[in-house]
Every structure is written in structure tokens, then in C-alpha cells.
């Protein structure tokens, strides 16, 4: 009983007692309920019909106001009057939704809901993890729209200004982290992958609520508030299971079972990168990382591919697609810029110019999106490989990793790099120096493993020893530290030795 309709409605009347029947095809599960259960479900339904709809209306009004532009032919005073009316509506909704008493009541009720749902998992088994293959009867009758309403409101509270938030959020934050840790990674408990991705976004808002960015454009320098970091450090359940849950939804969002816009999965993953980096730096989360790495190294012992292995595979795929499409869009932009600057532009008809402008806008949109995502993906691979290399050099992964790095580095430092030299690179979130530096760092991190050095020259598509020489020239131009350049030279020497050994073995064979 999770989709739509009248989930959880009782059979029989009155408030004294009865039972709720699930809609599972298996034998129906009977769950006793009381007046409290009636009130619980009615309260959630009331919040969905009232509060959730008000939140959606408020967000639509905000978006309309932010994108409001004076149309041609409309007098200035009429446009100003329309703008004021719209602003008054936005402020009216904001005043109602951020009323302190309403927020305190909603936070308390949603916090109770999260606690109750988590406790239902451990009521019979006396433990939460490992999660059961099938939710307990009490959770099977809770529709997922309740969870979505809860997540939407928590996201609204976190995105609001600090002075609008309830005074005491510490207990609420702890329960929210527990709830996310348990439900975000489980397709059995939450079927809708989009809803689980919303939990990941909420988690990103929690980790960066101490002054970090409020949108998806996180930076490596955004610093979580010390109090929030302390909550994560002292949260034993999260330290053991949150990283795995985050990787599971990162992987699962690839397979939604429906026709989703291709770039949507990238946008879902974007806030996950910053959460991953935040958790990666907390010492008490290291044992969890080591456990996940150990599962990859011994993946032949498992009937199912370990989640960290699938996560790495998705990261490599994403990096290849994002960098390839981002650079391809930049090449298109450069060609379109050259046409504008040439005498050919004046010979084009109005229709041809309009088509040109449309292609230019489309290329700009793709370039911004893909380049931003590529920067985050490369940065994530960089900090992961700083101290975790073994999972990347197992036999089924090392060649794929080497091929991706060679392909991307060849695009950035090889002959094709001139094709991406557009005006105002920052406008398109393109920082080639940072990309080259990040990719070289990944080379150096993985270069500590002999398997990686041997895999590089096996790539017959993009590899050549000139790659290292070209990268070295770029690093010198960027004034990178001598230690980095010397380390790259050392890596090139070792790869050359591996290449010579490989050629010699082939000749002997």
C-alpha cells in the first residue's frame, strides 16, 4: 500500500479499533490500529493537502518572480504594478510558512514520524542493520507520499534563512540523519528512486547549513558548521552505514525504470559529491571506507558486485560522458563565435541567424551543465584516490580507469585543445588548468600501484608517452609546484619501463 489512493484507510468505522490491510499480492497483513493511528494518518493527509500544496505554490511564485522580465510593448508602470502584486503574494506565503509556532509543530510531528518509522524496523529484530528484505507490516501501510511530504518540508526548513528556523534543531537534525541513513539506500523501504535522491539533497543541505551555498553549485571550500560536523562525528549509525547508503542511491538513480531526462541523473548526483567529500574527511568514517574497499578487493567472494565497485564504475562513466560532451559543446561554441566574427555573418538571412542563435544557446546550456559536473566528478575521483587506490586497480576496473584518464588528458593537453579555446571560459564553468591538475593528481595517486602503470600503455586508443610531456608543459605554464612535475616525470619513467616490458613480452610470444 504505497502508491496513491486511500493508503492506510481502515476497514470498519469508529476510532476504537480495527485493522489495516495492505495491498500486497502476498497474504494480506493485518495490523491493529487505534485512535492514535487514525489521528496520525489524518494529520499527514492534512499536511499534504494544506502545507505541502502551500509549499509548492510558494516555490512556483518564487520562481515566477525571479524570472520576471518586462515584455516588449508593456508600459513600465503596469509591469511595476504586476511585480509588486507578485512580490506581495510571495511575502504572504513566506510569512505564513515560516511562522515560528507552525514550524515548531511541524518539526515536532515530522521528527516523531521519522523516529517511529526507524523504530518499526528494529521493534521485532532488536536491530536496524542489516535491513530486512521486506518492510515490517506497519511500514508497508505507510504511503510514500508521507515520506515525500516530510522530505519536502525538511528541505524547505534547511533552505530558509537561519532566523526563520526553529530554535532547537539539534534533536531534529539527529533524527533526520538517522532516517536518511536507514531509508536513502534501500529500494525495499522506499521504492521511488527520485524520492531517495531527494533524501540525498536534504543531506547535502544539512552538511552545509552552517553558511555553505544554498544551491547545487557547491565548492570544495564550502565549510560545514562545526556543530553539524560534531553531530556527524557522534552519530554511530551514520558512521557505519551512511557512506554505503549514499553510494547505493548514486548507483540506483541510473536505473529508474522509466524514461528520465538523460541529464537528470547528473543533477541528482551533484549534491551527493559534496556530501561524500564531507564524510570522507571525518576520521570515524574511515572504518566504513575500509570495509567498502575490502569488499571491492575481494569482489570475487560475493555473488553480487559490491556497491563501491558499481559506484566507481558509474563515476568513470560519468567523467567520460561529461568531459566529452562538455568539450564538444565548447568546440561548437568556438565555431559559432568564429562565424559571428567573420564576414560570413552579414551574408546570413534572418532565419539563418536565428538558427545560429538557437544552436549557440543550446551549446552554452550543455557546456555549463557538463563542465560543472565534470569538475565535481574529477575532484571527487581526486580526493578518493588520495588514500584509497586498491579498488581502482583490480583486474576488472584498472583498464577502464586508465582508458578514461588517457582519453580525457589527451583532449585537454593534446592537439585538440585549441578547439576548446573560447572567449570567457568562466562563463561556461570551464577551467582547463584545474581539470588538468586534477587529472594529473589522479594519475599520481593511482601511479603508486604497479597494476595501473601497466594498464596505461595497454590503452591503444589514446595513450602515448607524449601525453606526459604535454601535461608537464601545461603544469609548468600553470606554475604548479615542482614536486608535482617531478612526480609526473617519475611516473612517466615507470610507465615507460612497463611499456618496454610489454613490448618485449609480445615479441617473445
Foldseek 3Di string as FASTA:
>chain_A
DADDDDFPDFDDDDFAKGWHWFPDPPPTDTDIDGNVSVVLVVVLVVCVVPVVVLLVVLVVLVVCLVPDDDDPPDDPVVSVVVSVVSVVVNVVSVCVNLPQVVQVVLLVSLLVVLVVQQCQQCVVVVDPPPGDPARPPVLSRDYCVSVLSSLSSLLVLLLDDPVSHHDDCLSSLLSLLVSLLRPLQDCNNPVQLVSSLSSLVSLLSLQQSQDFDSDLLGDPPRHGDPVSLVSCLPNVSCLQGVVLSLLNSLLCLVPRPDDDDPCVSLVSCSSSLVVNVSSVPRVSSVVNVVVLLVCLLVVVVDPDGRSVLSSVVVLLVLLLVLLVLLQVLLLLLVVLVVCVPDPVVVVDDPVVVVVSVVSNVVSLVSNQSSLSSNLSSLQSLLVCLQPRQSSCLDPVHLLSNLLSLLVNLCCLQNPVVVSNDDPPCVSSNDDSLSNLVSSLSSCLSNLVDLSNLLSNVVPPPRDDLVSLVSSLVSCVVVVHDPVSNVSSVVSSVSSVVSNVVVVVVVVVD
